[in-house]
């Protein structure tokens, strides 16, 4: 967010896990955060984002550009990059099975028109292989079920340590073990919330 303006990036969050992500609704870059309890908002969002998908396809086609990246490279700034974050995609699919085809289309076609989907899941099988095939970049944290690594990565011969934050990822067909970090370190959850709010205030004051 520090590298881009609110005109460059829009973020939407579907929180079907802890609902802690609801707190980020106040962030200037975030267009909305929807939880599992908000069925009407969820369905309204699906209609909106699918309409945006089709609208962008038409805009790029009329402009003669084959992809969103080329469109932006040409100097066009009317369409922001949209990032859709889905926390616990398995629960989302279970609660709203009638939206499965729309979300599948979004995962498949979105990247070409500037809509990126980031999703989390506790188990690979719960995501479904049809969905999984549309996620080119994958990471896998330590799992007690070692089959998770081979389900996500072909010919995976390594496993991450069980240190907190350790994960595997694949870059240019090479497997790597990497380390993530806690964005808002704190001893207590209440202190973490304070740090999150402080971060959002700082970002919102400089967003433009």
C-alpha atoms as a PDB file:
ATOM      1  CA  UNK A   1       0.000   0.000   0.000  1.00  0.00           C
ATOM      2  CA  UNK A   2       2.935   2.350   0.514  1.00  0.00           C
ATOM      3  CA  UNK A   3       3.940   2.004  -3.159  1.00  0.00           C
ATOM      4  CA  UNK A   4       0.528   2.564  -4.745  1.00  0.00           C
ATOM      5  CA  UNK A   5      -2.326   5.038  -4.457  1.00  0.00           C
ATOM      6  CA  UNK A   6      -5.960   4.160  -3.842  1.00  0.00           C
ATOM      7  CA  UNK A   7      -6.541   4.864  -7.552  1.00  0.00           C
ATOM      8  CA  UNK A   8      -4.062   2.102  -8.439  1.00  0.00           C
ATOM      9  CA  UNK A   9      -5.283  -0.665  -6.128  1.00  0.00           C
ATOM     10  CA  UNK A  10      -8.624  -1.745  -4.662  1.00  0.00           C
ATOM     11  CA  UNK A  11      -8.866  -4.592  -2.152  1.00  0.00           C
ATOM     12  CA  UNK A  12     -11.914  -6.662  -1.245  1.00  0.00           C
ATOM     13  CA  UNK A  13     -11.849  -9.214   1.559  1.00  0.00           C
ATOM     14  CA  UNK A  14     -14.126 -12.214   2.088  1.00  0.00           C
ATOM     15  CA  UNK A  15     -13.499 -13.361   5.666  1.00  0.00           C
ATOM     16  CA  UNK A  16     -14.869 -16.826   6.332  1.00  0.00           C
ATOM     17  CA  UNK A  17     -12.443 -17.618   9.141  1.00  0.00           C
ATOM     18  CA  UNK A  18     -11.721 -15.646  12.313  1.00  0.00           C
ATOM     19  CA  UNK A  19     -13.450 -12.425  11.142  1.00  0.00           C
ATOM     20  CA  UNK A  20     -10.420 -10.450  12.356  1.00  0.00           C
ATOM     21  CA  UNK A  21     -10.093  -9.148   8.798  1.00  0.00           C
ATOM     22  CA  UNK A  22     -13.249  -7.073   9.373  1.00  0.00           C
ATOM     23  CA  UNK A  23     -11.021  -4.589  11.134  1.00  0.00           C
ATOM     24  CA  UNK A  24      -9.312  -3.692   7.843  1.00  0.00           C
ATOM     25  CA  UNK A  25     -12.550  -2.303   6.428  1.00  0.00           C
ATOM     26  CA  UNK A  26     -11.384   1.117   7.621  1.00  0.00           C
ATOM     27  CA  UNK A  27      -8.261   0.941   5.435  1.00  0.00           C
ATOM     28  CA  UNK A  28      -8.486   3.368   2.514  1.00  0.00           C
ATOM     29  CA  UNK A  29      -7.512   0.722  -0.046  1.00  0.00           C
ATOM     30  CA  UNK A  30     -10.222  -1.700   1.090  1.00  0.00           C
ATOM     31  CA  UNK A  31     -13.552  -1.487  -0.705  1.00  0.00           C
ATOM     32  CA  UNK A  32     -15.244  -3.814   1.767  1.00  0.00           C
ATOM     33  CA  UNK A  33     -14.921  -6.796   4.080  1.00  0.00           C
ATOM     34  CA  UNK A  34     -17.675  -9.417   4.000  1.00  0.00           C
ATOM     35  CA  UNK A  35     -18.079 -12.191   6.575  1.00  0.00           C
ATOM     36  CA  UNK A  36     -19.945 -15.499   6.553  1.00  0.00           C
ATOM     37  CA  UNK A  37     -22.896 -13.899   8.354  1.00  0.00           C
ATOM     38  CA  UNK A  38     -23.542 -11.338   5.611  1.00  0.00           C
ATOM     39  CA  UNK A  39     -25.304 -13.392   2.966  1.00  0.00           C
ATOM     40  CA  UNK A  40     -26.981 -10.479   1.182  1.00  0.00           C
ATOM     41  CA  UNK A  41     -23.753  -8.481   1.025  1.00  0.00           C
ATOM     42  CA  UNK A  42     -21.899 -11.518  -0.291  1.00  0.00           C
ATOM     43  CA  UNK A  43     -24.395 -12.124  -3.082  1.00  0.00           C
ATOM     44  CA  UNK A  44     -24.401  -8.429  -3.941  1.00  0.00           C
ATOM     45  CA  UNK A  45     -20.619  -8.447  -4.108  1.00  0.00           C
ATOM     46  CA  UNK A  46     -20.601 -11.458  -6.451  1.00  0.00           C
ATOM     47  CA  UNK A  47     -22.976  -9.627  -8.809  1.00  0.00           C
ATOM     48  CA  UNK A  48     -20.793  -6.531  -8.663  1.00  0.00           C
ATOM     49  CA  UNK A  49     -17.451  -8.266  -9.238  1.00  0.00           C
ATOM     50  CA  UNK A  50     -18.803 -10.399 -12.077  1.00  0.00           C
ATOM     51  CA  UNK A  51     -20.189  -7.263 -13.702  1.00  0.00           C
ATOM     52  CA  UNK A  52     -16.774  -5.634 -13.302  1.00  0.00           C
ATOM     53  CA  UNK A  53     -15.128  -8.693 -14.883  1.00  0.00           C
ATOM     54  CA  UNK A  54     -17.326  -8.462 -17.987  1.00  0.00           C
ATOM     55  CA  UNK A  55     -16.950  -4.681 -18.165  1.00  0.00           C
ATOM     56  CA  UNK A  56     -13.173  -4.948 -18.118  1.00  0.00           C
ATOM     57  CA  UNK A  57     -13.195  -7.607 -20.807  1.00  0.00           C
ATOM     58  CA  UNK A  58     -15.154  -5.236 -23.030  1.00  0.00           C
ATOM     59  CA  UNK A  59     -12.901  -2.253 -22.280  1.00  0.00           C
ATOM     60  CA  UNK A  60      -9.712  -4.177 -23.042  1.00  0.00           C
ATOM     61  CA  UNK A  61     -11.204  -5.682 -26.182  1.00  0.00           C
ATOM     62  CA  UNK A  62     -12.313  -2.297 -27.556  1.00  0.00           C
ATOM     63  CA  UNK A  63      -8.925  -0.784 -26.701  1.00  0.00           C
ATOM     64  CA  UNK A  64      -7.156  -3.590 -28.545  1.00  0.00           C
ATOM     65  CA  UNK A  65      -5.145  -4.839 -25.563  1.00  0.00           C
ATOM     66  CA  UNK A  66      -4.760  -8.532 -24.834  1.00  0.00           C
ATOM     67  CA  UNK A  67      -4.146  -8.172 -21.112  1.00  0.00           C
ATOM     68  CA  UNK A  68      -4.459  -5.784 -18.204  1.00  0.00           C
ATOM     69  CA  UNK A  69      -0.689  -5.511 -17.773  1.00  0.00           C
ATOM     70  CA  UNK A  70      -0.260  -4.260 -21.343  1.00  0.00           C
ATOM     71  CA  UNK A  71      -3.179  -1.872 -20.814  1.00  0.00           C
ATOM     72  CA  UNK A  72      -1.439  -0.334 -17.802  1.00  0.00           C
ATOM     73  CA  UNK A  73       1.928  -0.256 -19.582  1.00  0.00           C
ATOM     74  CA  UNK A  74       0.308   1.892 -22.273  1.00  0.00           C
ATOM     75  CA  UNK A  75      -0.331   4.574 -19.662  1.00  0.00           C
ATOM     76  CA  UNK A  76      -3.993   3.847 -18.924  1.00  0.00           C
ATOM     77  CA  UNK A  77      -4.922   4.449 -15.282  1.00  0.00           C
ATOM     78  CA  UNK A  78      -8.733   4.297 -15.314  1.00  0.00           C
ATOM     79  CA  UNK A  79      -8.892   0.679 -14.113  1.00  0.00           C
ATOM     80  CA  UNK A  80      -7.283  -0.083 -10.745  1.00  0.00           C
ATOM     81  CA  UNK A  81      -5.795  -3.472  -9.940  1.00  0.00           C
ATOM     82  CA  UNK A  82      -8.386  -5.361  -7.895  1.00  0.00           C
ATOM     83  CA  UNK A  83      -7.186  -7.803  -5.245  1.00  0.00           C
ATOM     84  CA  UNK A  84      -9.775 -10.208  -3.863  1.00  0.00           C
ATOM     85  CA  UNK A  85      -8.677 -11.936  -0.653  1.00  0.00           C
ATOM     86  CA  UNK A  86     -10.661 -15.015   0.445  1.00  0.00           C
ATOM     87  CA  UNK A  87      -9.867 -16.291   3.919  1.00  0.00           C
ATOM     88  CA  UNK A  88     -10.990 -19.945   4.080  1.00  0.00           C
ATOM     89  CA  UNK A  89     -12.313 -20.609   0.597  1.00  0.00           C
ATOM     90  CA  UNK A  90     -13.597 -24.053   1.620  1.00  0.00           C
ATOM     91  CA  UNK A  91     -16.124 -22.576   4.073  1.00  0.00           C
ATOM     92  CA  UNK A  92     -17.185 -20.007   1.484  1.00  0.00           C
ATOM     93  CA  UNK A  93     -17.898 -22.743  -1.061  1.00  0.00           C
ATOM     94  CA  UNK A  94     -19.805 -24.753   1.520  1.00  0.00           C
ATOM     95  CA  UNK A  95     -22.015 -21.826   2.545  1.00  0.00           C
ATOM     96  CA  UNK A  96     -22.635 -20.509  -0.967  1.00  0.00           C
ATOM     97  CA  UNK A  97     -22.493 -23.447  -3.405  1.00  0.00           C
ATOM     98  CA  UNK A  98     -24.707 -21.617  -5.911  1.00  0.00           C
ATOM     99  CA  UNK A  99     -21.930 -19.070  -6.475  1.00  0.00           C
ATOM    100  CA  UNK A 100     -19.335 -21.719  -7.300  1.00  0.00           C
ATOM    101  CA  UNK A 101     -19.394 -21.223 -11.071  1.00  0.00           C
ATOM    102  CA  UNK A 102     -19.102 -17.447 -10.805  1.00  0.00           C
ATOM    103  CA  UNK A 103     -16.121 -17.735  -8.483  1.00  0.00           C
ATOM    104  CA  UNK A 104     -14.535 -20.321 -10.741  1.00  0.00           C
ATOM    105  CA  UNK A 105     -14.880 -17.928 -13.674  1.00  0.00           C
ATOM    106  CA  UNK A 106     -13.372 -15.150 -11.588  1.00  0.00           C
ATOM    107  CA  UNK A 107     -10.346 -17.265 -10.655  1.00  0.00           C
ATOM    108  CA  UNK A 108      -9.893 -18.339 -14.284  1.00  0.00           C
ATOM    109  CA  UNK A 109     -10.458 -15.060 -16.146  1.00  0.00           C
ATOM    110  CA  UNK A 110      -9.744 -12.408 -13.542  1.00  0.00           C
ATOM    111  CA  UNK A 111      -5.962 -12.199 -13.858  1.00  0.00           C
ATOM    112  CA  UNK A 112      -6.157 -11.151 -17.507  1.00  0.00           C
ATOM    113  CA  UNK A 113      -8.320  -8.133 -16.660  1.00  0.00           C
ATOM    114  CA  UNK A 114      -6.580  -7.022 -13.480  1.00  0.00           C
ATOM    115  CA  UNK A 115      -8.488  -8.978 -10.843  1.00  0.00           C
ATOM    116  CA  UNK A 116      -6.219 -11.136  -8.672  1.00  0.00           C
ATOM    117  CA  UNK A 117      -7.586 -13.728  -6.254  1.00  0.00           C
ATOM    118  CA  UNK A 118      -5.699 -14.732  -3.096  1.00  0.00           C
ATOM    119  CA  UNK A 119      -7.218 -17.587  -1.093  1.00  0.00           C
ATOM    120  CA  UNK A 120      -6.398 -19.573   2.034  1.00  0.00           C
ATOM    121  CA  UNK A 121      -7.479 -23.073   3.057  1.00  0.00           C
ATOM    122  CA  UNK A 122      -6.600 -25.487   5.833  1.00  0.00           C
ATOM    123  CA  UNK A 123      -6.644 -28.492   3.465  1.00  0.00           C
ATOM    124  CA  UNK A 124      -5.905 -28.802  -0.234  1.00  0.00           C
ATOM    125  CA  UNK A 125      -8.718 -31.294  -0.826  1.00  0.00           C
ATOM    126  CA  UNK A 126     -11.230 -28.826   0.586  1.00  0.00           C
ATOM    127  CA  UNK A 127     -10.310 -26.315  -2.102  1.00  0.00           C
ATOM    128  CA  UNK A 128     -10.933 -28.728  -4.952  1.00  0.00           C
ATOM    129  CA  UNK A 129      -8.580 -29.415  -7.838  1.00  0.00           C
ATOM    130  CA  UNK A 130     -10.705 -27.431 -10.301  1.00  0.00           C
ATOM    131  CA  UNK A 131     -10.090 -24.303  -8.247  1.00  0.00           C
ATOM    132  CA  UNK A 132      -6.500 -25.191  -7.468  1.00  0.00           C
ATOM    133  CA  UNK A 133      -5.513 -25.305 -11.130  1.00  0.00           C
ATOM    134  CA  UNK A 134      -6.184 -21.556 -11.432  1.00  0.00           C
ATOM    135  CA  UNK A 135      -3.755 -20.583  -8.664  1.00  0.00           C
ATOM    136  CA  UNK A 136      -0.324 -20.359 -10.244  1.00  0.00           C
ATOM    137  CA  UNK A 137       1.448 -19.210  -7.081  1.00  0.00           C
ATOM    138  CA  UNK A 138       1.061 -21.440  -4.040  1.00  0.00           C
ATOM    139  CA  UNK A 139       2.551 -21.643  -0.569  1.00  0.00           C
ATOM    140  CA  UNK A 140       2.164 -24.418   1.997  1.00  0.00           C
ATOM    141  CA  UNK A 141       2.934 -24.060   5.692  1.00  0.00           C
ATOM    142  CA  UNK A 142       4.025 -26.986   7.827  1.00  0.00           C
ATOM    143  CA  UNK A 143       1.447 -29.781   7.829  1.00  0.00           C
ATOM    144  CA  UNK A 144       1.205 -33.016   9.788  1.00  0.00           C
ATOM    145  CA  UNK A 145      -0.211 -34.567   6.622  1.00  0.00           C
ATOM    146  CA  UNK A 146       2.795 -34.817   4.315  1.00  0.00           C
ATOM    147  CA  UNK A 147       0.569 -35.575   1.313  1.00  0.00           C
ATOM    148  CA  UNK A 148      -0.420 -31.892   1.308  1.00  0.00           C
ATOM    149  CA  UNK A 149       2.979 -31.006  -0.158  1.00  0.00           C
ATOM    150  CA  UNK A 150       2.706 -33.400  -3.086  1.00  0.00           C
ATOM    151  CA  UNK A 151      -0.897 -32.359  -3.737  1.00  0.00           C
ATOM    152  CA  UNK A 152       0.191 -28.749  -4.095  1.00  0.00           C
ATOM    153  CA  UNK A 153       3.557 -29.244  -5.761  1.00  0.00           C
ATOM    154  CA  UNK A 154       4.510 -31.885  -8.314  1.00  0.00           C
ATOM    155  CA  UNK A 155       7.522 -33.982  -7.343  1.00  0.00           C
ATOM    156  CA  UNK A 156       7.987 -32.207  -4.025  1.00  0.00           C
ATOM    157  CA  UNK A 157      10.938 -33.804  -2.199  1.00  0.00           C
ATOM    158  CA  UNK A 158      11.290 -31.452   0.757  1.00  0.00           C
ATOM    159  CA  UNK A 159       9.210 -30.534   3.774  1.00  0.00           C
ATOM    160  CA  UNK A 160       9.297 -27.306   5.767  1.00  0.00           C
ATOM    161  CA  UNK A 161      10.464 -27.289   9.369  1.00  0.00           C
ATOM    162  CA  UNK A 162       7.722 -27.001  11.970  1.00  0.00           C
ATOM    163  CA  UNK A 163       9.007 -23.603  13.087  1.00  0.00           C
ATOM    164  CA  UNK A 164       6.142 -21.044  13.134  1.00  0.00           C
ATOM    165  CA  UNK A 165       5.824 -19.279   9.790  1.00  0.00           C
ATOM    166  CA  UNK A 166       7.927 -21.742   7.772  1.00  0.00           C
ATOM    167  CA  UNK A 167       6.513 -22.645   4.343  1.00  0.00           C
ATOM    168  CA  UNK A 168       7.260 -24.127   0.930  1.00  0.00           C
ATOM    169  CA  UNK A 169       6.795 -22.442  -2.430  1.00  0.00           C
ATOM    170  CA  UNK A 170       7.770 -23.066  -6.036  1.00  0.00           C
ATOM    171  CA  UNK A 171       9.562 -20.522  -8.210  1.00  0.00           C
ATOM    172  CA  UNK A 172      10.576 -21.322 -11.784  1.00  0.00           C
ATOM    173  CA  UNK A 173      10.035 -25.038 -11.135  1.00  0.00           C
ATOM    174  CA  UNK A 174      12.399 -25.013  -8.156  1.00  0.00           C
ATOM    175  CA  UNK A 175      11.176 -25.719  -4.627  1.00  0.00           C
ATOM    176  CA  UNK A 176      12.155 -23.304  -1.859  1.00  0.00           C
ATOM    177  CA  UNK A 177      11.697 -23.263   1.888  1.00  0.00           C
ATOM    178  CA  UNK A 178      10.967 -19.775   3.155  1.00  0.00           C
ATOM    179  CA  UNK A 179      10.008 -17.910   6.294  1.00  0.00           C
ATOM    180  CA  UNK A 180       7.037 -15.599   6.833  1.00  0.00           C
ATOM    181  CA  UNK A 181       6.702 -13.156   9.694  1.00  0.00           C
ATOM    182  CA  UNK A 182       3.977 -11.648  11.859  1.00  0.00           C
ATOM    183  CA  UNK A 183       3.089  -8.254  10.454  1.00  0.00           C
ATOM    184  CA  UNK A 184       1.915  -6.887  13.794  1.00  0.00           C
ATOM    185  CA  UNK A 185       3.928  -8.546  16.579  1.00  0.00           C
ATOM    186  CA  UNK A 186       2.481  -8.208  20.060  1.00  0.00           C
ATOM    187  CA  UNK A 187       2.264 -10.164  23.284  1.00  0.00           C
ATOM    188  CA  UNK A 188      -1.529  -9.883  23.525  1.00  0.00           C
ATOM    189  CA  UNK A 189      -4.270  -9.810  20.907  1.00  0.00           C
ATOM    190  CA  UNK A 190      -5.522  -6.478  22.248  1.00  0.00           C
ATOM    191  CA  UNK A 191      -2.056  -5.011  21.682  1.00  0.00           C
ATOM    192  CA  UNK A 192      -2.027  -6.408  18.142  1.00  0.00           C
ATOM    193  CA  UNK A 193      -5.333  -4.666  17.406  1.00  0.00           C
ATOM    194  CA  UNK A 194      -3.861  -1.383  18.590  1.00  0.00           C
ATOM    195  CA  UNK A 195      -0.898  -1.858  16.234  1.00  0.00           C
ATOM    196  CA  UNK A 196      -3.251  -2.650  13.330  1.00  0.00           C
ATOM    197  CA  UNK A 197      -5.289   0.484  13.983  1.00  0.00           C
ATOM    198  CA  UNK A 198      -2.129   2.575  14.224  1.00  0.00           C
ATOM    199  CA  UNK A 199      -0.919   1.159  10.907  1.00  0.00           C
ATOM    200  CA  UNK A 200      -4.226   1.950   9.185  1.00  0.00           C
ATOM    201  CA  UNK A 201      -4.238   5.499  10.482  1.00  0.00           C
ATOM    202  CA  UNK A 202      -0.733   6.029   9.154  1.00  0.00           C
ATOM    203  CA  UNK A 203      -1.569   4.538   5.728  1.00  0.00           C
ATOM    204  CA  UNK A 204      -4.871   6.425   5.414  1.00  0.00           C
ATOM    205  CA  UNK A 205      -3.197   9.735   6.216  1.00  0.00           C
ATOM    206  CA  UNK A 206      -0.780   9.296   3.300  1.00  0.00           C
ATOM    207  CA  UNK A 207      -3.098   7.497   0.838  1.00  0.00           C
ATOM    208  CA  UNK A 208      -4.062   9.356  -2.279  1.00  0.00           C
END
